[in-house]
Amino acid sequence: MDSEELNIAVANEAFAENKVYMLEKQLKQANERIKRLEEAGDALANTQTYDLLETVNWRKSKEAKP
């Protein structure tokens, strides 16, 4: 492997590492948003004194979560 190939390999590795970092950051942000939405949905569902279709669907969707 000559120095040009080595430089390309190093650059590709740095690019891949940066891409992984960015994807991990996006995943963390998405998970935080999901958590906030779930908390808001739970709070709204808890205010219901009777089972509206939306409340029932909310509970079903939370149960189906992987």
Protein backbone atom coordinates (compact mmCIF):
# COMPACT_ATOMS: atom_id res chain seq x y z
CA MET A 1 0.00 0.00 0.00
CA ASP A 2 1.54 3.28 -1.05
CA SER A 3 1.16 6.58 0.76
CA GLU A 4 -1.68 7.77 -1.48
CA GLU A 5 -3.73 4.65 -0.74
CA LEU A 6 -2.95 5.03 2.94
CA ASN A 7 -4.10 8.66 2.90
CA ILE A 8 -7.33 7.64 1.16
CA ALA A 9 -7.91 4.87 3.69
CA VAL A 10 -7.30 7.23 6.60
CA ALA A 11 -9.64 9.83 5.09
CA ASN A 12 -12.32 7.18 4.53
CA GLU A 13 -11.98 6.00 8.12
CA ALA A 14 -12.30 9.55 9.43
CA PHE A 15 -15.37 10.10 7.26
CA ALA A 16 -16.95 6.87 8.51
CA GLU A 17 -16.22 7.75 12.14
CA ASN A 18 -17.76 11.20 11.65
CA LYS A 19 -20.83 9.65 10.02
CA VAL A 20 -21.24 7.24 12.95
CA TYR A 21 -20.94 10.13 15.40
CA MET A 22 -23.58 12.15 13.52
CA LEU A 23 -25.96 9.18 13.34
CA GLU A 24 -25.53 8.47 17.06
CA LYS A 25 -26.28 12.13 17.80
CA GLN A 26 -29.41 12.03 15.61
CA LEU A 27 -30.52 8.80 17.30
CA LYS A 28 -30.09 10.34 20.74
CA GLN A 29 -32.12 13.40 19.71
CA ALA A 30 -34.86 11.20 18.24
CA ASN A 31 -35.02 9.08 21.38
CA GLU A 32 -35.27 12.20 23.55
CA ARG A 33 -38.10 13.51 21.36
CA ILE A 34 -39.91 10.17 21.55
CA LYS A 35 -39.59 10.24 25.33
CA ARG A 36 -41.05 13.76 25.51
CA LEU A 37 -43.93 12.79 23.21
CA GLU A 38 -44.66 9.67 25.25
CA GLU A 39 -44.67 11.67 28.47
CA ALA A 40 -47.05 14.21 26.94
CA GLY A 41 -49.29 11.45 25.61
CA ASP A 42 -49.34 9.74 29.01
CA ALA A 43 -50.20 13.01 30.72
CA LEU A 44 -53.09 13.60 28.32
CA ALA A 45 -54.32 10.02 28.64
CA ASN A 46 -54.26 10.33 32.44
CA THR A 47 -56.58 13.33 32.30
CA GLN A 48 -59.32 11.25 30.67
CA THR A 49 -61.99 10.04 33.06
CA TYR A 50 -63.46 7.75 30.40
CA ASP A 51 -61.98 5.77 27.56
CA LEU A 52 -62.07 7.84 24.41
CA LEU A 53 -61.06 5.99 21.27
CA GLU A 54 -57.90 8.10 21.12
CA THR A 55 -56.96 7.15 24.68
CA VAL A 56 -57.54 3.47 23.97
CA ASN A 57 -55.46 3.73 20.81
CA TRP A 58 -52.69 5.53 22.72
CA ARG A 59 -52.50 2.74 25.28
CA LYS A 60 -52.49 0.08 22.55
CA SER A 61 -49.71 1.84 20.66
CA LYS A 62 -47.59 2.04 23.81
CA GLU A 63 -48.10 -1.69 24.47
CA ALA A 64 -46.96 -2.52 20.92
CA LYS A 65 -43.71 -0.61 21.36
CA PRO A 66 -40.67 -2.86 20.83
